[in-house]
PDB file of N, CA and C in Angstrom:
ATOM      1  N   MET A   1      87.483-178.482 -73.630  1.00  0.00           N
ATOM      2  CA  MET A   1      86.648-177.972 -73.850  1.00  0.00           C
ATOM      3  C   MET A   1      86.486-176.605 -74.200  1.00  0.00           C
ATOM      4  N   ASN A   2      86.025-175.704 -74.860  1.00  0.00           N
ATOM      5  CA  ASN A   2      85.967-174.782 -75.076  1.00  0.00           C
ATOM      6  C   ASN A   2      85.098-173.155 -74.491  1.00  0.00           C
ATOM      7  N   GLU A   3      85.286-172.693 -74.587  1.00  0.00           N
ATOM      8  CA  GLU A   3      84.589-171.634 -73.700  1.00  0.00           C
ATOM      9  C   GLU A   3      82.595-171.913 -74.014  1.00  0.00           C
ATOM     10  N   GLU A   4      82.237-171.771 -75.328  1.00  0.00           N
ATOM     11  CA  GLU A   4      81.075-172.022 -75.861  1.00  0.00           C
ATOM     12  C   GLU A   4      80.828-173.284 -75.258  1.00  0.00           C
ATOM     13  N   GLU A   5      81.566-174.721 -75.094  1.00  0.00           N
ATOM     14  CA  GLU A   5      80.436-175.616 -74.635  1.00  0.00           C
ATOM     15  C   GLU A   5      80.672-176.092 -73.354  1.00  0.00           C
ATOM     16  N   LYS A   6      81.434-174.889 -73.178  1.00  0.00           N
ATOM     17  CA  LYS A   6      81.220-174.472 -71.126  1.00  0.00           C
ATOM     18  C   LYS A   6      80.059-174.199 -70.721  1.00  0.00           C
ATOM     19  N   ARG A   7      80.072-172.285 -71.858  1.00  0.00           N
ATOM     20  CA  ARG A   7      78.855-172.452 -71.148  1.00  0.00           C
ATOM     21  C   ARG A   7      77.353-172.474 -71.831  1.00  0.00           C
ATOM     22  N   LYS A   8      77.301-173.818 -72.815  1.00  0.00           N
ATOM     23  CA  LYS A   8      76.215-174.711 -73.428  1.00  0.00           C
ATOM     24  C   LYS A   8      75.872-175.590 -71.936  1.00  0.00           C
ATOM     25  N   LYS A   9      77.085-176.495 -71.813  1.00  0.00           N
ATOM     26  CA  LYS A   9      77.117-177.168 -70.912  1.00  0.00           C
ATOM     27  C   LYS A   9      76.462-176.435 -69.211  1.00  0.00           C
ATOM     28  N   SER A  10      77.295-175.722 -68.379  1.00  0.00           N
ATOM     29  CA  SER A  10      76.419-174.699 -68.619  1.00  0.00           C
ATOM     30  C   SER A  10      75.151-174.230 -68.048  1.00  0.00           C
ATOM     31  N   ASP A  11      74.280-174.079 -68.953  1.00  0.00           N
ATOM     32  CA  ASP A  11      73.452-173.924 -69.317  1.00  0.00           C
ATOM     33  C   ASP A  11      72.681-174.534 -69.399  1.00  0.00           C
ATOM     34  N   GLU A  12      72.872-176.067 -69.139  1.00  0.00           N
ATOM     35  CA  GLU A  12      72.110-177.509 -69.570  1.00  0.00           C
ATOM     36  C   GLU A  12      72.026-177.701 -68.301  1.00  0.00           C
ATOM     37  N   ILE A  13      72.986-177.129 -66.861  1.00  0.00           N
ATOM     38  CA  ILE A  13      73.090-177.745 -65.663  1.00  0.00           C
ATOM     39  C   ILE A  13      72.109-176.749 -64.632  1.00  0.00           C
ATOM     40  N   ARG A  14      72.145-175.773 -65.859  1.00  0.00           N
ATOM     41  CA  ARG A  14      70.901-174.793 -64.914  1.00  0.00           C
ATOM     42  C   ARG A  14      69.925-174.990 -64.721  1.00  0.00           C
ATOM     43  N   GLU A  15      69.534-176.003 -66.237  1.00  0.00           N
ATOM     44  CA  GLU A  15      68.261-176.237 -66.566  1.00  0.00           C
ATOM     45  C   GLU A  15      67.790-177.730 -65.620  1.00  0.00           C
ATOM     46  N   LEU A  16      68.559-177.526 -64.611  1.00  0.00           N
ATOM     47  CA  LEU A  16      67.869-179.050 -64.627  1.00  0.00           C
ATOM     48  C   LEU A  16      67.804-178.480 -63.025  1.00  0.00           C
ATOM     49  N   VAL A  17      69.134-178.125 -62.385  1.00  0.00           N
ATOM     50  CA  VAL A  17      68.398-178.389 -61.330  1.00  0.00           C
ATOM     51  C   VAL A  17      67.349-177.306 -60.852  1.00  0.00           C
ATOM     52  N   LYS A  18      66.613-176.423 -61.875  1.00  0.00           N
ATOM     53  CA  LYS A  18      65.637-175.295 -61.713  1.00  0.00           C
ATOM     54  C   LYS A  18      64.694-176.404 -61.402  1.00  0.00           C
ATOM     55  N   LYS A  19      64.299-177.622 -62.427  1.00  0.00           N
ATOM     56  CA  LYS A  19      63.220-178.666 -62.534  1.00  0.00           C
ATOM     57  C   LYS A  19      63.416-179.278 -61.534  1.00  0.00           C
ATOM     58  N   LYS A  20      64.671-179.746 -60.231  1.00  0.00           N
ATOM     59  CA  LYS A  20      64.785-180.559 -59.112  1.00  0.00           C
ATOM     60  C   LYS A  20      63.757-179.605 -57.822  1.00  0.00           C
ATOM     61  N   LYS A  21      63.413-180.381 -57.631  1.00  0.00           N
ATOM     62  CA  LYS A  21      62.330-179.584 -56.107  1.00  0.00           C
ATOM     63  C   LYS A  21      62.569-180.596 -55.001  1.00  0.00           C
ATOM     64  N   ILE A  22      62.318-180.296 -53.333  1.00  0.00           N
ATOM     65  CA  ILE A  22      62.615-180.806 -52.447  1.00  0.00           C
ATOM     66  C   ILE A  22      60.730-181.062 -51.893  1.00  0.00           C
ATOM     67  N   GLN A  23      60.681-182.325 -51.519  1.00  0.00           N
ATOM     68  CA  GLN A  23      59.568-182.717 -50.904  1.00  0.00           C
ATOM     69  C   GLN A  23      59.275-183.112 -49.632  1.00  0.00           C
ATOM     70  N   PHE A  24      58.840-182.319 -48.934  1.00  0.00           N
ATOM     71  CA  PHE A  24      59.279-182.680 -47.487  1.00  0.00           C
ATOM     72  C   PHE A  24      57.695-183.797 -47.159  1.00  0.00           C
ATOM     73  N   ALA A  25      57.520-184.414 -46.980  1.00  0.00           N
ATOM     74  CA  ALA A  25      56.832-185.517 -45.996  1.00  0.00           C
ATOM     75  C   ALA A  25      55.732-184.754 -45.876  1.00  0.00           C
ATOM     76  N   PRO A  26      54.446-185.444 -45.562  1.00  0.00           N
ATOM     77  CA  PRO A  26      53.709-184.649 -44.451  1.00  0.00           C
ATOM     78  C   PRO A  26      53.800-184.765 -42.988  1.00  0.00           C
ATOM     79  N   ASP A  27      53.453-183.310 -42.805  1.00  0.00           N
ATOM     80  CA  ASP A  27      53.542-183.333 -41.413  1.00  0.00           C
ATOM     81  C   ASP A  27      52.132-183.293 -40.549  1.00  0.00           C
ATOM     82  N   ASP A  28      51.124-183.218 -41.071  1.00  0.00           N
ATOM     83  CA  ASP A  28      49.678-182.884 -40.346  1.00  0.00           C
ATOM     84  C   ASP A  28      49.434-184.134 -39.148  1.00  0.00           C
ATOM     85  N   LYS A  29      49.781-184.953 -38.845  1.00  0.00           N
ATOM     86  CA  LYS A  29      49.819-185.744 -37.924  1.00  0.00           C
ATOM     87  C   LYS A  29      51.283-185.127 -36.570  1.00  0.00           C
ATOM     88  N   ALA A  30      51.762-185.460 -37.122  1.00  0.00           N
ATOM     89  CA  ALA A  30      52.792-184.476 -35.906  1.00  0.00           C
ATOM     90  C   ALA A  30      52.745-183.298 -35.624  1.00  0.00           C
ATOM     91  N   GLN A  31      51.232-181.873 -36.509  1.00  0.00           N
ATOM     92  CA  GLN A  31      51.255-180.363 -36.200  1.00  0.00           C
ATOM     93  C   GLN A  31      49.765-181.460 -34.635  1.00  0.00           C
ATOM     94  N   TYR A  32      49.755-181.938 -35.584  1.00  0.00           N
ATOM     95  CA  TYR A  32      47.859-182.477 -34.273  1.00  0.00           C
ATOM     96  C   TYR A  32      48.424-182.774 -33.112  1.00  0.00           C
ATOM     97  N   LEU A  33      49.641-184.005 -32.786  1.00  0.00           N
ATOM     98  CA  LEU A  33      50.568-184.485 -31.707  1.00  0.00           C
ATOM     99  C   LEU A  33      51.203-183.482 -31.026  1.00  0.00           C
ATOM    100  N   GLU A  34      50.822-182.428 -31.583  1.00  0.00           N
ATOM    101  CA  GLU A  34      52.675-181.757 -31.507  1.00  0.00           C
ATOM    102  C   GLU A  34      53.559-182.196 -29.835  1.00  0.00           C
ATOM    103  N   ASN A  35      52.218-181.720 -28.639  1.00  0.00           N
ATOM    104  CA  ASN A  35      52.617-181.494 -27.319  1.00  0.00           C
ATOM    105  C   ASN A  35      53.283-183.211 -27.117  1.00  0.00           C
ATOM    106  N   TYR A  36      53.100-184.000 -28.094  1.00  0.00           N
ATOM    107  CA  TYR A  36      52.702-185.812 -27.312  1.00  0.00           C
ATOM    108  C   TYR A  36      54.502-186.296 -28.018  1.00  0.00           C
ATOM    109  N   VAL A  37      54.600-185.594 -29.069  1.00  0.00           N
ATOM    110  CA  VAL A  37      55.749-185.541 -30.303  1.00  0.00           C
ATOM    111  C   VAL A  37      56.593-184.765 -29.722  1.00  0.00           C
ATOM    112  N   ASP A  38      56.963-183.981 -28.810  1.00  0.00           N
ATOM    113  CA  ASP A  38      57.121-183.202 -28.240  1.00  0.00           C
ATOM    114  C   ASP A  38      57.804-184.111 -27.111  1.00  0.00           C
ATOM    115  N   GLN A  39      57.854-184.996 -26.287  1.00  0.00           N
ATOM    116  CA  GLN A  39      57.610-185.968 -25.556  1.00  0.00           C
ATOM    117  C   GLN A  39      57.920-186.839 -25.329  1.00  0.00           C
ATOM    118  N   VAL A  40      57.843-187.520 -26.865  1.00  0.00           N
ATOM    119  CA  VAL A  40      58.475-188.060 -27.322  1.00  0.00           C
ATOM    120  C   VAL A  40      59.889-187.978 -27.546  1.00  0.00           C
ATOM    121  N   LEU A  41      59.564-186.333 -28.277  1.00  0.00           N
ATOM    122  CA  LEU A  41      61.774-185.861 -28.499  1.00  0.00           C
ATOM    123  C   LEU A  41      62.741-186.074 -27.335  1.00  0.00           C
ATOM    124  N   ASP A  42      61.692-185.602 -26.059  1.00  0.00           N
ATOM    125  CA  ASP A  42      62.202-185.261 -25.234  1.00  0.00           C
ATOM    126  C   ASP A  42      62.599-186.686 -24.140  1.00  0.00           C
ATOM    127  N   ALA A  43      62.288-187.965 -24.583  1.00  0.00           N
ATOM    128  CA  ALA A  43      62.488-188.884 -24.118  1.00  0.00           C
ATOM    129  C   ALA A  43      63.796-189.456 -24.641  1.00  0.00           C
ATOM    130  N   ILE A  44      63.994-189.307 -26.523  1.00  0.00           N
ATOM    131  CA  ILE A  44      64.769-189.898 -27.039  1.00  0.00           C
ATOM    132  C   ILE A  44      66.486-189.200 -26.409  1.00  0.00           C
ATOM    133  N   GLY A  45      65.605-187.722 -26.483  1.00  0.00           N
ATOM    134  CA  GLY A  45      66.714-186.629 -25.968  1.00  0.00           C
ATOM    135  C   GLY A  45      67.283-187.118 -24.591  1.00  0.00           C
ATOM    136  N   GLU A  46      66.910-187.461 -23.726  1.00  0.00           N
ATOM    137  CA  GLU A  46      67.216-187.713 -22.126  1.00  0.00           C
ATOM    138  C   GLU A  46      68.036-189.936 -22.445  1.00  0.00           C
ATOM    139  N   ALA A  47      67.226-190.339 -23.630  1.00  0.00           N
ATOM    140  CA  ALA A  47      68.468-191.719 -23.545  1.00  0.00           C
ATOM    141  C   ALA A  47      69.618-191.674 -24.223  1.00  0.00           C
ATOM    142  N   LEU A  48      69.360-190.466 -24.799  1.00  0.00           N
ATOM    143  CA  LEU A  48      70.582-189.702 -25.826  1.00  0.00           C
ATOM    144  C   LEU A  48      71.654-188.959 -25.155  1.00  0.00           C
ATOM    145  N   ASP A  49      71.166-188.288 -23.978  1.00  0.00           N
ATOM    146  CA  ASP A  49      71.761-186.955 -22.990  1.00  0.00           C
ATOM    147  C   ASP A  49      71.961-186.197 -24.579  1.00  0.00           C
ATOM    148  N   ALA A  50      70.704-186.261 -25.512  1.00  0.00           N
ATOM    149  CA  ALA A  50      70.756-185.057 -26.578  1.00  0.00           C
ATOM    150  C   ALA A  50      69.751-183.646 -27.105  1.00  0.00           C
ATOM    151  N   ASP A  51      69.929-182.846 -26.885  1.00  0.00           N
ATOM    152  CA  ASP A  51      68.482-182.017 -27.327  1.00  0.00           C
ATOM    153  C   ASP A  51      68.280-182.104 -28.846  1.00  0.00           C
ATOM    154  N   PHE A  52      66.954-182.821 -28.761  1.00  0.00           N
ATOM    155  CA  PHE A  52      65.995-182.264 -29.968  1.00  0.00           C
ATOM    156  C   PHE A  52      64.887-181.691 -30.081  1.00  0.00           C
ATOM    157  N   LYS A  53      65.242-180.852 -29.422  1.00  0.00           N
ATOM    158  CA  LYS A  53      63.648-179.758 -29.509  1.00  0.00           C
ATOM    159  C   LYS A  53      63.323-179.197 -31.214  1.00  0.00           C
ATOM    160  N   HIS A  54      64.166-178.735 -31.422  1.00  0.00           N
ATOM    161  CA  HIS A  54      64.185-178.083 -33.090  1.00  0.00           C
ATOM    162  C   HIS A  54      63.956-178.911 -33.543  1.00  0.00           C
ATOM    163  N   ALA A  55      64.096-179.998 -33.536  1.00  0.00           N
ATOM    164  CA  ALA A  55      64.008-181.023 -34.881  1.00  0.00           C
ATOM    165  C   ALA A  55      62.582-181.042 -35.495  1.00  0.00           C
ATOM    166  N   TRP A  56      63.188-181.358 -36.892  1.00  0.00           N
ATOM    167  CA  TRP A  56      61.455-181.115 -37.681  1.00  0.00           C
ATOM    168  C   TRP A  56      61.413-182.199 -38.034  1.00  0.00           C
ATOM    169  N   ILE A  57      60.053-182.680 -37.504  1.00  0.00           N
ATOM    170  CA  ILE A  57      59.462-184.276 -37.772  1.00  0.00           C
ATOM    171  C   ILE A  57      58.353-184.239 -38.391  1.00  0.00           C
ATOM    172  N   SER A  58      58.259-185.592 -40.011  1.00  0.00           N
ATOM    173  CA  SER A  58      57.159-185.072 -40.498  1.00  0.00           C
ATOM    174  C   SER A  58      56.358-186.721 -40.204  1.00  0.00           C
ATOM    175  N   ASP A  59      55.432-186.869 -40.960  1.00  0.00           N
ATOM    176  CA  ASP A  59      54.604-188.178 -40.345  1.00  0.00           C
ATOM    177  C   ASP A  59      55.281-189.546 -40.836  1.00  0.00           C
ATOM    178  N   GLU A  60      56.600-189.268 -41.634  1.00  0.00           N
ATOM    179  CA  GLU A  60      57.008-190.826 -41.922  1.00  0.00           C
ATOM    180  C   GLU A  60      58.321-190.264 -40.717  1.00  0.00           C
ATOM    181  N   SER A  61      58.443-189.789 -39.651  1.00  0.00           N
ATOM    182  CA  SER A  61      60.152-189.831 -39.092  1.00  0.00           C
ATOM    183  C   SER A  61      59.649-190.778 -38.138  1.00  0.00           C
ATOM    184  N   SER A  62      61.087-191.212 -37.808  1.00  0.00           N
ATOM    185  CA  SER A  62      60.757-192.933 -36.894  1.00  0.00           C
ATOM    186  C   SER A  62      61.794-192.854 -35.791  1.00  0.00           C
ATOM    187  N   VAL A  63      61.770-193.560 -34.745  1.00  0.00           N
ATOM    188  CA  VAL A  63      62.763-193.671 -33.185  1.00  0.00           C
ATOM    189  C   VAL A  63      64.094-193.640 -34.495  1.00  0.00           C
ATOM    190  N   TRP A  64      64.049-195.195 -35.352  1.00  0.00           N
ATOM    191  CA  TRP A  64      65.794-195.240 -35.764  1.00  0.00           C
ATOM    192  C   TRP A  64      65.947-193.868 -36.638  1.00  0.00           C
ATOM    193  N   ASP A  65      65.891-192.966 -36.904  1.00  0.00           N
ATOM    194  CA  ASP A  65      66.126-191.958 -37.839  1.00  0.00           C
ATOM    195  C   ASP A  65      66.940-191.500 -36.482  1.00  0.00           C
ATOM    196  N   PHE A  66      66.751-191.425 -35.610  1.00  0.00           N
ATOM    197  CA  PHE A  66      67.197-190.592 -34.242  1.00  0.00           C
ATOM    198  C   PHE A  66      68.759-191.288 -33.245  1.00  0.00           C
ATOM    199  N   ILE A  67      68.134-193.273 -33.755  1.00  0.00           N
ATOM    200  CA  ILE A  67      68.956-194.099 -32.685  1.00  0.00           C
ATOM    201  C   ILE A  67      69.559-195.254 -33.212  1.00  0.00           C
ATOM    202  N   LEU A  68      69.925-195.386 -34.281  1.00  0.00           N
ATOM    203  CA  LEU A  68      70.316-196.489 -35.116  1.00  0.00           C
ATOM    204  C   LEU A  68      71.696-196.870 -35.177  1.00  0.00           C
ATOM    205  N   TYR A  69      72.044-197.992 -33.656  1.00  0.00           N
ATOM    206  CA  TYR A  69      73.231-198.003 -34.223  1.00  0.00           C
ATOM    207  C   TYR A  69      73.583-199.635 -34.226  1.00  0.00           C
ATOM    208  N   ASP A  70      74.582-199.727 -35.740  1.00  0.00           N
ATOM    209  CA  ASP A  70      74.437-200.657 -36.531  1.00  0.00           C
ATOM    210  C   ASP A  70      75.434-201.903 -36.048  1.00  0.00           C
ATOM    211  N   ASP A  71      76.204-201.075 -35.579  1.00  0.00           N
ATOM    212  CA  ASP A  71      77.681-201.744 -34.835  1.00  0.00           C
ATOM    213  C   ASP A  71      76.878-202.629 -33.167  1.00  0.00           C
ATOM    214  N   ASP A  72      75.674-201.923 -32.587  1.00  0.00           N
ATOM    215  CA  ASP A  72      75.985-201.929 -31.285  1.00  0.00           C
ATOM    216  C   ASP A  72      73.758-202.155 -31.104  1.00  0.00           C
ATOM    217  N   LYS A  73      74.381-203.281 -30.982  1.00  0.00           N
ATOM    218  CA  LYS A  73      72.881-203.729 -30.684  1.00  0.00           C
ATOM    219  C   LYS A  73      72.229-204.071 -29.378  1.00  0.00           C
ATOM    220  N   GLU A  74      72.889-204.024 -29.068  1.00  0.00           N
ATOM    221  CA  GLU A  74      72.834-203.975 -27.004  1.00  0.00           C
ATOM    222  C   GLU A  74      72.561-202.787 -26.346  1.00  0.00           C
ATOM    223  N   GLU A  75      73.148-201.214 -27.217  1.00  0.00           N
ATOM    224  CA  GLU A  75      72.709-199.850 -27.053  1.00  0.00           C
ATOM    225  C   GLU A  75      71.839-199.788 -27.486  1.00  0.00           C
ATOM    226  N   GLU A  76      71.451-200.174 -28.241  1.00  0.00           N
ATOM    227  CA  GLU A  76      70.674-200.134 -29.094  1.00  0.00           C
ATOM    228  C   GLU A  76      68.597-200.657 -28.578  1.00  0.00           C
ATOM    229  N   GLU A  77      69.325-200.982 -28.014  1.00  0.00           N
ATOM    230  CA  GLU A  77      67.983-201.553 -27.123  1.00  0.00           C
ATOM    231  C   GLU A  77      68.213-201.231 -25.765  1.00  0.00           C
ATOM    232  N   ARG A  78      68.627-201.217 -24.316  1.00  0.00           N
ATOM    233  CA  ARG A  78      68.828-200.135 -23.849  1.00  0.00           C
ATOM    234  C   ARG A  78      68.291-198.926 -23.955  1.00  0.00           C
ATOM    235  N   ILE A  79      68.941-197.902 -24.881  1.00  0.00           N
ATOM    236  CA  ILE A  79      67.887-196.613 -24.883  1.00  0.00           C
ATOM    237  C   ILE A  79      66.823-196.840 -25.646  1.00  0.00           C
ATOM    238  N   LEU A  80      66.317-198.127 -26.387  1.00  0.00           N
ATOM    239  CA  LEU A  80      64.683-198.162 -26.352  1.00  0.00           C
ATOM    240  C   LEU A  80      64.143-198.592 -25.201  1.00  0.00           C
ATOM    241  N   ALA A  81      64.607-199.252 -24.883  1.00  0.00           N
ATOM    242  CA  ALA A  81      64.149-199.590 -22.856  1.00  0.00           C
ATOM    243  C   ALA A  81      64.268-198.568 -21.794  1.00  0.00           C
ATOM    244  N   LYS A  82      64.781-197.761 -22.816  1.00  0.00           N
ATOM    245  CA  LYS A  82      65.077-196.094 -21.066  1.00  0.00           C
ATOM    246  C   LYS A  82      63.986-195.357 -21.923  1.00  0.00           C
ATOM    247  N   ILE A  83      64.412-195.429 -23.168  1.00  0.00           N
ATOM    248  CA  ILE A  83      63.015-194.583 -23.754  1.00  0.00           C
ATOM    249  C   ILE A  83      61.023-194.978 -23.731  1.00  0.00           C
ATOM    250  N   SER A  84      61.313-196.342 -23.465  1.00  0.00           N
ATOM    251  CA  SER A  84      59.604-197.109 -23.498  1.00  0.00           C
ATOM    252  C   SER A  84      60.297-196.736 -21.854  1.00  0.00           C
ATOM    253  N   GLU A  85      60.457-196.895 -20.385  1.00  0.00           N
ATOM    254  CA  GLU A  85      60.382-196.452 -19.463  1.00  0.00           C
ATOM    255  C   GLU A  85      60.131-195.087 -19.102  1.00  0.00           C
ATOM    256  N   ILE A  86      61.161-193.866 -19.934  1.00  0.00           N
ATOM    257  CA  ILE A  86      60.197-193.314 -19.888  1.00  0.00           C
ATOM    258  C   ILE A  86      58.644-192.640 -20.104  1.00  0.00           C
ATOM    259  N   LEU A  87      58.308-192.970 -21.072  1.00  0.00           N
ATOM    260  CA  LEU A  87      56.831-193.040 -21.991  1.00  0.00           C
ATOM    261  C   LEU A  87      55.754-193.693 -20.435  1.00  0.00           C
ATOM    262  N   GLY A  88      56.124-194.794 -20.938  1.00  0.00           N
ATOM    263  CA  GLY A  88      55.386-195.005 -20.290  1.00  0.00           C
ATOM    264  C   GLY A  88      54.602-196.617 -21.011  1.00  0.00           C
ATOM    265  N   VAL A  89      55.014-196.553 -22.606  1.00  0.00           N
ATOM    266  CA  VAL A  89      54.789-196.860 -23.205  1.00  0.00           C
ATOM    267  C   VAL A  89      55.996-197.834 -24.481  1.00  0.00           C
ATOM    268  N   LYS A  90      55.288-199.199 -24.908  1.00  0.00           N
ATOM    269  CA  LYS A  90      57.235-200.155 -25.857  1.00  0.00           C
ATOM    270  C   LYS A  90      56.982-198.772 -26.596  1.00  0.00           C
ATOM    271  N   VAL A  91      58.215-199.093 -27.404  1.00  0.00           N
ATOM    272  CA  VAL A  91      59.053-198.574 -28.558  1.00  0.00           C
ATOM    273  C   VAL A  91      59.966-199.489 -29.133  1.00  0.00           C
ATOM    274  N   GLU A  92      59.653-199.213 -30.498  1.00  0.00           N
ATOM    275  CA  GLU A  92      60.241-200.203 -30.680  1.00  0.00           C
ATOM    276  C   GLU A  92      60.735-199.218 -31.631  1.00  0.00           C
ATOM    277  N   LEU A  93      62.537-199.758 -32.497  1.00  0.00           N
ATOM    278  CA  LEU A  93      63.199-199.209 -33.410  1.00  0.00           C
ATOM    279  C   LEU A  93      62.243-198.967 -34.901  1.00  0.00           C
ATOM    280  N   THR A  94      61.626-199.745 -35.271  1.00  0.00           N
ATOM    281  CA  THR A  94      60.760-199.053 -36.620  1.00  0.00           C
ATOM    282  C   THR A  94      59.649-198.071 -36.316  1.00  0.00           C
ATOM    283  N   ASP A  95      59.476-197.638 -34.970  1.00  0.00           N
ATOM    284  CA  ASP A  95      58.240-197.237 -34.894  1.00  0.00           C
ATOM    285  C   ASP A  95      57.807-195.407 -35.633  1.00  0.00           C
ATOM    286  N   TYR A  96      56.544-194.987 -36.228  1.00  0.00           N
ATOM    287  CA  TYR A  96      56.630-194.190 -36.059  1.00  0.00           C
ATOM    288  C   TYR A  96      57.024-192.968 -35.284  1.00  0.00           C
ATOM    289  N   ILE A  97      56.923-191.519 -34.929  1.00  0.00           N
ATOM    290  CA  ILE A  97      57.388-191.003 -33.865  1.00  0.00           C
ATOM    291  C   ILE A  97      56.164-191.110 -33.585  1.00  0.00           C
ATOM    292  N   VAL A  98      55.273-190.537 -34.846  1.00  0.00           N
ATOM    293  CA  VAL A  98      53.870-190.026 -34.581  1.00  0.00           C
ATOM    294  C   VAL A  98      52.709-190.965 -33.529  1.00  0.00           C
ATOM    295  N   ASP A  99      53.181-192.374 -34.348  1.00  0.00           N
ATOM    296  CA  ASP A  99      52.306-193.528 -33.962  1.00  0.00           C
ATOM    297  C   ASP A  99      52.431-193.052 -32.224  1.00  0.00           C
ATOM    298  N   VAL A 100      54.287-193.486 -31.705  1.00  0.00           N
ATOM    299  CA  VAL A 100      54.151-193.790 -30.082  1.00  0.00           C
ATOM    300  C   VAL A 100      53.571-191.462 -29.470  1.00  0.00           C
ATOM    301  N   ALA A 101      53.907-191.189 -30.024  1.00  0.00           N
ATOM    302  CA  ALA A 101      52.888-190.069 -30.153  1.00  0.00           C
ATOM    303  C   ALA A 101      51.734-190.099 -29.551  1.00  0.00           C
ATOM    304  N   LYS A 102      51.031-191.177 -30.340  1.00  0.00           N
ATOM    305  CA  LYS A 102      48.716-191.542 -30.290  1.00  0.00           C
ATOM    306  C   LYS A 102      48.958-192.542 -29.319  1.00  0.00           C
ATOM    307  N   ARG A 103      50.045-193.000 -29.052  1.00  0.00           N
ATOM    308  CA  ARG A 103      49.834-194.168 -27.982  1.00  0.00           C
ATOM    309  C   ARG A 103      49.531-193.226 -27.081  1.00  0.00           C
ATOM    310  N   LEU A 104      50.563-192.192 -26.476  1.00  0.00           N
ATOM    311  CA  LEU A 104      50.483-191.294 -25.300  1.00  0.00           C
ATOM    312  C   LEU A 104      49.435-191.150 -25.236  1.00  0.00           C
ATOM    313  N   THR A 105      48.566-190.501 -26.120  1.00  0.00           N
ATOM    314  CA  THR A 105      46.872-190.841 -25.822  1.00  0.00           C
ATOM    315  C   THR A 105      45.897-191.986 -25.607  1.00  0.00           C
ATOM    316  N   GLU A 106      46.208-192.802 -25.504  1.00  0.00           N
ATOM    317  CA  GLU A 106      45.613-193.734 -25.077  1.00  0.00           C
ATOM    318  C   GLU A 106      45.436-193.862 -24.180  1.00  0.00           C
TER     319      GLU A 106
END
């Protein structure tokens, strides 16, 4: 590839990159339920011995995003049980964080 072809290819790539956008899922519910979302994240963190205080959560963030153990279903169930015990509500792997937070308000 000669210099002219390299420049042309580089320009094409730059144009493609300019057209790309990162689009975040909405977080309206997560913001509205912020205190309860924090409780859910604290419970997940406690069950995993981790800190998620600075995690960004959208309305589409799920428990699964934090505790997926494909190779160890027993560990996954143990962690879900611990989170449920801490929060006092049933928590499933596929639950959205905002849905768990909403259950805490009921």
